[in-house]
C-alpha cells in the first residue's frame, strides 16, 4: 500500500478514473450490441439513430482519454460500415 500523501492521492485518482472509464466502455459496448442487433433485423432507421449516439459517446470517451483517438475512430468506422451495409446494394 502507498505510504506518502502523493501516492495515496494517486491511488484515489486512478480508482476514480478506472470507474469512469469502465462506465464509458460498458455503455459503448451495450450501445454497439444494440446497433448490431438493429442491423441484423434490417431496421435502418433505428440503426442510424443508434449510430449517432454511439459516435457521440465514443467522441466523448476519446476526449476524456478513455479510448485512444485511433481506437475510437476505428470503432466508429467499423460501426458506420455496418450501418452502411444496410443501404448498399448486395454485390453478387
N, C-alpha and C. Protein backbone atom coordinates (compact mmCIF):
# COMPACT_ATOMS: atom_id res chain seq x y z
N UNK A 1 0.84 -1.19 0.00
CA UNK A 1 0.00 0.00 0.00
C UNK A 1 0.88 1.24 0.00
N UNK A 2 0.39 2.28 -0.61
CA UNK A 2 1.12 3.54 -0.70
C UNK A 2 1.25 4.17 0.68
N UNK A 3 2.36 4.87 0.87
CA UNK A 3 2.60 5.49 2.18
C UNK A 3 2.58 7.01 2.13
N UNK A 4 3.11 7.60 1.07
CA UNK A 4 3.16 9.05 1.01
C UNK A 4 1.79 9.63 0.64
N UNK A 5 1.61 10.89 1.00
CA UNK A 5 0.35 11.56 0.67
C UNK A 5 0.13 11.60 -0.83
N UNK A 6 1.20 11.84 -1.56
CA UNK A 6 1.11 11.91 -3.03
C UNK A 6 0.66 10.56 -3.61
N UNK A 7 1.25 9.50 -3.11
CA UNK A 7 0.91 8.17 -3.62
C UNK A 7 -0.53 7.79 -3.27
N UNK A 8 -0.97 8.17 -2.08
CA UNK A 8 -2.36 7.89 -1.68
C UNK A 8 -3.34 8.64 -2.57
N UNK A 9 -2.99 9.87 -2.91
CA UNK A 9 -3.86 10.66 -3.79
C UNK A 9 -3.91 10.04 -5.18
N UNK A 10 -2.76 9.56 -5.67
CA UNK A 10 -2.74 8.93 -6.99
C UNK A 10 -3.61 7.67 -7.01
N UNK A 11 -3.61 6.93 -5.91
CA UNK A 11 -4.46 5.74 -5.81
C UNK A 11 -5.92 6.14 -5.90
N UNK A 12 -6.30 7.19 -5.17
CA UNK A 12 -7.70 7.66 -5.23
C UNK A 12 -8.07 8.13 -6.63
N UNK A 13 -7.18 8.88 -7.26
CA UNK A 13 -7.45 9.40 -8.60
C UNK A 13 -7.58 8.27 -9.62
N UNK A 14 -6.67 7.31 -9.54
CA UNK A 14 -6.71 6.24 -10.53
C UNK A 14 -7.95 5.37 -10.36
N UNK A 15 -8.41 5.19 -9.15
CA UNK A 15 -9.64 4.41 -8.93
C UNK A 15 -10.85 5.16 -9.50
N UNK A 16 -10.89 6.45 -9.29
CA UNK A 16 -11.99 7.27 -9.83
C UNK A 16 -11.99 7.21 -11.35
N UNK A 17 -10.81 7.32 -11.95
CA UNK A 17 -10.69 7.26 -13.41
C UNK A 17 -11.06 5.88 -13.94
N UNK A 18 -10.66 4.83 -13.21
CA UNK A 18 -10.96 3.46 -13.63
C UNK A 18 -12.47 3.25 -13.69
N UNK A 19 -13.18 3.74 -12.67
CA UNK A 19 -14.63 3.56 -12.63
C UNK A 19 -15.32 4.35 -13.74
N UNK A 20 -14.83 5.56 -14.00
CA UNK A 20 -15.40 6.37 -15.08
C UNK A 20 -15.18 5.69 -16.43
N UNK A 21 -13.97 5.18 -16.64
CA UNK A 21 -13.65 4.51 -17.90
C UNK A 21 -14.49 3.25 -18.06
N UNK A 22 -14.67 2.51 -16.97
CA UNK A 22 -15.46 1.28 -17.01
C UNK A 22 -16.89 1.59 -17.42
N UNK A 23 -17.44 2.67 -16.88
CA UNK A 23 -18.80 3.09 -17.21
C UNK A 23 -18.91 3.44 -18.70
N UNK A 24 -17.95 4.21 -19.21
CA UNK A 24 -17.95 4.58 -20.62
C UNK A 24 -17.88 3.33 -21.50
N UNK A 25 -16.92 2.45 -21.20
CA UNK A 25 -16.73 1.26 -22.03
C UNK A 25 -17.96 0.37 -22.03
N UNK A 26 -18.55 0.20 -20.85
CA UNK A 26 -19.73 -0.65 -20.73
C UNK A 26 -20.89 -0.08 -21.55
N UNK A 27 -21.11 1.23 -21.43
CA UNK A 27 -22.19 1.87 -22.16
C UNK A 27 -21.98 1.76 -23.68
N UNK A 28 -20.74 1.97 -24.12
CA UNK A 28 -20.45 1.90 -25.55
C UNK A 28 -20.63 0.48 -26.08
N UNK A 29 -20.19 -0.51 -25.30
CA UNK A 29 -20.37 -1.91 -25.71
C UNK A 29 -21.86 -2.25 -25.84
N UNK A 30 -22.65 -1.83 -24.86
CA UNK A 30 -24.09 -2.11 -24.89
C UNK A 30 -24.75 -1.46 -26.10
N UNK A 31 -24.41 -0.19 -26.35
CA UNK A 31 -25.00 0.51 -27.48
C UNK A 31 -24.56 -0.13 -28.80
N UNK A 32 -23.32 -0.59 -28.88
CA UNK A 32 -22.83 -1.24 -30.09
C UNK A 32 -23.57 -2.54 -30.34
N UNK A 33 -23.85 -3.29 -29.28
CA UNK A 33 -24.60 -4.54 -29.43
C UNK A 33 -26.02 -4.26 -29.90
N UNK A 34 -26.64 -3.22 -29.37
CA UNK A 34 -27.99 -2.85 -29.82
C UNK A 34 -27.97 -2.45 -31.29
N UNK A 35 -26.93 -1.74 -31.68
CA UNK A 35 -26.77 -1.32 -33.07
C UNK A 35 -26.63 -2.54 -33.98
N UNK A 36 -25.79 -3.48 -33.59
CA UNK A 36 -25.61 -4.70 -34.38
C UNK A 36 -26.91 -5.49 -34.48
N UNK A 37 -27.68 -5.49 -33.40
CA UNK A 37 -28.97 -6.17 -33.40
C UNK A 37 -29.94 -5.50 -34.37
N UNK A 38 -29.95 -4.16 -34.38
CA UNK A 38 -30.82 -3.43 -35.29
C UNK A 38 -30.42 -3.70 -36.75
N UNK A 39 -29.14 -3.80 -37.00
CA UNK A 39 -28.66 -4.10 -38.36
C UNK A 39 -29.07 -5.50 -38.77
N UNK A 40 -28.96 -6.46 -37.84
CA UNK A 40 -29.34 -7.84 -38.18
C UNK A 40 -30.84 -7.95 -38.45
N UNK A 41 -31.63 -7.06 -37.82
CA UNK A 41 -33.08 -7.05 -38.07
C UNK A 41 -33.43 -6.17 -39.26
N UNK A 42 -32.42 -5.59 -39.89
CA UNK A 42 -32.58 -4.73 -41.07
C UNK A 42 -33.44 -3.49 -40.78
N UNK A 43 -33.32 -2.96 -39.58
CA UNK A 43 -34.06 -1.77 -39.17
C UNK A 43 -33.14 -0.56 -39.31
N UNK A 44 -33.13 0.01 -40.51
CA UNK A 44 -32.16 1.06 -40.83
C UNK A 44 -32.38 2.34 -40.04
N UNK A 45 -33.62 2.73 -39.80
CA UNK A 45 -33.89 3.97 -39.08
C UNK A 45 -33.34 3.90 -37.65
N UNK A 46 -33.60 2.80 -36.98
CA UNK A 46 -33.12 2.63 -35.61
C UNK A 46 -31.59 2.55 -35.61
N UNK A 47 -31.03 1.84 -36.57
CA UNK A 47 -29.58 1.68 -36.65
C UNK A 47 -28.90 3.03 -36.84
N UNK A 48 -29.43 3.86 -37.72
CA UNK A 48 -28.82 5.18 -37.95
C UNK A 48 -28.91 6.08 -36.72
N UNK A 49 -30.04 6.00 -36.01
CA UNK A 49 -30.19 6.79 -34.78
C UNK A 49 -29.20 6.32 -33.72
N UNK A 50 -29.07 5.01 -33.58
CA UNK A 50 -28.12 4.47 -32.61
C UNK A 50 -26.68 4.79 -32.99
N UNK A 51 -26.40 4.78 -34.28
CA UNK A 51 -25.05 5.10 -34.73
C UNK A 51 -24.64 6.50 -34.27
N UNK A 52 -25.55 7.45 -34.40
CA UNK A 52 -25.23 8.81 -33.97
C UNK A 52 -24.94 8.88 -32.48
N UNK A 53 -25.71 8.13 -31.69
CA UNK A 53 -25.50 8.11 -30.24
C UNK A 53 -24.16 7.47 -29.88
N UNK A 54 -23.85 6.36 -30.55
CA UNK A 54 -22.59 5.66 -30.25
C UNK A 54 -21.40 6.54 -30.64
N UNK A 55 -21.49 7.19 -31.78
CA UNK A 55 -20.40 8.06 -32.23
C UNK A 55 -20.20 9.20 -31.23
N UNK A 56 -21.29 9.75 -30.74
CA UNK A 56 -21.21 10.83 -29.76
C UNK A 56 -20.51 10.36 -28.49
N UNK A 57 -20.89 9.18 -28.01
CA UNK A 57 -20.28 8.64 -26.78
C UNK A 57 -18.81 8.31 -27.01
N UNK A 58 -18.47 7.79 -28.19
CA UNK A 58 -17.07 7.49 -28.48
C UNK A 58 -16.24 8.76 -28.52
N UNK A 59 -16.78 9.82 -29.10
CA UNK A 59 -16.05 11.09 -29.15
C UNK A 59 -15.82 11.63 -27.74
N UNK A 60 -16.84 11.51 -26.89
CA UNK A 60 -16.69 11.96 -25.50
C UNK A 60 -15.65 11.12 -24.78
N UNK A 61 -15.69 9.80 -24.99
CA UNK A 61 -14.73 8.91 -24.34
C UNK A 61 -13.31 9.22 -24.83
N UNK A 62 -13.19 9.55 -26.10
CA UNK A 62 -11.89 9.90 -26.65
C UNK A 62 -11.38 11.19 -26.01
N UNK A 63 -12.29 12.13 -25.81
CA UNK A 63 -11.92 13.42 -25.25
C UNK A 63 -11.39 13.31 -23.82
N UNK A 64 -11.96 12.41 -23.04
CA UNK A 64 -11.53 12.25 -21.65
C UNK A 64 -10.53 11.10 -21.49
N UNK A 65 -9.95 10.66 -22.62
CA UNK A 65 -8.86 9.67 -22.65
C UNK A 65 -9.26 8.29 -22.13
N UNK A 66 -10.50 7.90 -22.36
CA UNK A 66 -10.90 6.53 -22.05
C UNK A 66 -10.42 5.63 -23.18
N UNK A 67 -10.56 6.11 -24.42
CA UNK A 67 -10.06 5.40 -25.59
C UNK A 67 -8.99 6.26 -26.25
N UNK A 68 -8.00 5.62 -26.84
CA UNK A 68 -7.03 6.32 -27.67
C UNK A 68 -7.79 6.83 -28.89
N UNK A 69 -7.35 7.94 -29.44
CA UNK A 69 -8.06 8.57 -30.56
C UNK A 69 -8.21 7.61 -31.73
N UNK A 70 -7.15 6.89 -32.09
CA UNK A 70 -7.23 5.98 -33.24
C UNK A 70 -8.17 4.82 -32.94
N UNK A 71 -8.18 4.34 -31.72
CA UNK A 71 -9.06 3.23 -31.35
C UNK A 71 -10.52 3.65 -31.46
N UNK A 72 -10.83 4.85 -30.98
CA UNK A 72 -12.20 5.35 -31.06
C UNK A 72 -12.62 5.54 -32.52
N UNK A 73 -11.72 6.09 -33.32
CA UNK A 73 -12.02 6.29 -34.75
C UNK A 73 -12.22 4.96 -35.47
N UNK A 74 -11.43 3.96 -35.10
CA UNK A 74 -11.56 2.64 -35.71
C UNK A 74 -12.92 2.03 -35.37
N UNK A 75 -13.36 2.18 -34.13
CA UNK A 75 -14.67 1.66 -33.73
C UNK A 75 -15.79 2.38 -34.47
N UNK A 76 -15.68 3.71 -34.59
CA UNK A 76 -16.70 4.48 -35.31
C UNK A 76 -16.78 4.03 -36.77
N UNK A 77 -15.63 3.83 -37.38
CA UNK A 77 -15.59 3.40 -38.77
C UNK A 77 -16.23 2.03 -38.95
N UNK A 78 -15.91 1.13 -38.05
CA UNK A 78 -16.46 -0.23 -38.13
C UNK A 78 -17.98 -0.21 -38.01
N UNK A 79 -18.50 0.58 -37.08
CA UNK A 79 -19.95 0.66 -36.90
C UNK A 79 -20.63 1.35 -38.09
N UNK A 80 -19.98 2.37 -38.63
CA UNK A 80 -20.55 3.08 -39.78
C UNK A 80 -20.63 2.14 -40.99
N UNK A 81 -19.57 1.34 -41.20
CA UNK A 81 -19.60 0.38 -42.31
C UNK A 81 -20.73 -0.63 -42.13
N UNK A 82 -20.94 -1.04 -40.88
CA UNK A 82 -22.01 -1.99 -40.58
C UNK A 82 -23.38 -1.40 -40.96
N UNK A 83 -23.61 -0.15 -40.56
CA UNK A 83 -24.89 0.51 -40.85
C UNK A 83 -25.03 0.78 -42.34
N UNK A 84 -23.94 1.19 -42.98
CA UNK A 84 -23.99 1.49 -44.41
C UNK A 84 -24.22 0.24 -45.25
N UNK A 85 -23.92 -0.91 -44.69
CA UNK A 85 -24.15 -2.16 -45.42
C UNK A 85 -25.65 -2.42 -45.62
N UNK A 86 -26.48 -1.77 -44.83
CA UNK A 86 -27.93 -1.94 -44.97
C UNK A 86 -28.43 -1.30 -46.27
N UNK A 87 -27.93 -0.11 -46.59
CA UNK A 87 -28.44 0.62 -47.75
C UNK A 87 -27.67 0.31 -49.03
N UNK A 88 -26.50 -0.30 -48.90
CA UNK A 88 -25.72 -0.63 -50.10
C UNK A 88 -26.34 -1.80 -50.83
N UNK A 89 -26.31 -1.76 -52.15
CA UNK A 89 -26.87 -2.91 -52.90
C UNK A 89 -26.00 -4.14 -52.69
N UNK A 90 -26.63 -5.29 -52.65
CA UNK A 90 -25.91 -6.55 -52.45
C UNK A 90 -25.08 -6.86 -53.68
N UNK A 91 -23.81 -7.17 -53.46
CA UNK A 91 -22.93 -7.49 -54.58
C UNK A 91 -22.97 -8.99 -54.83
N UNK A 92 -23.07 -9.35 -56.10
CA UNK A 92 -23.17 -10.77 -56.45
C UNK A 92 -21.83 -11.40 -56.68
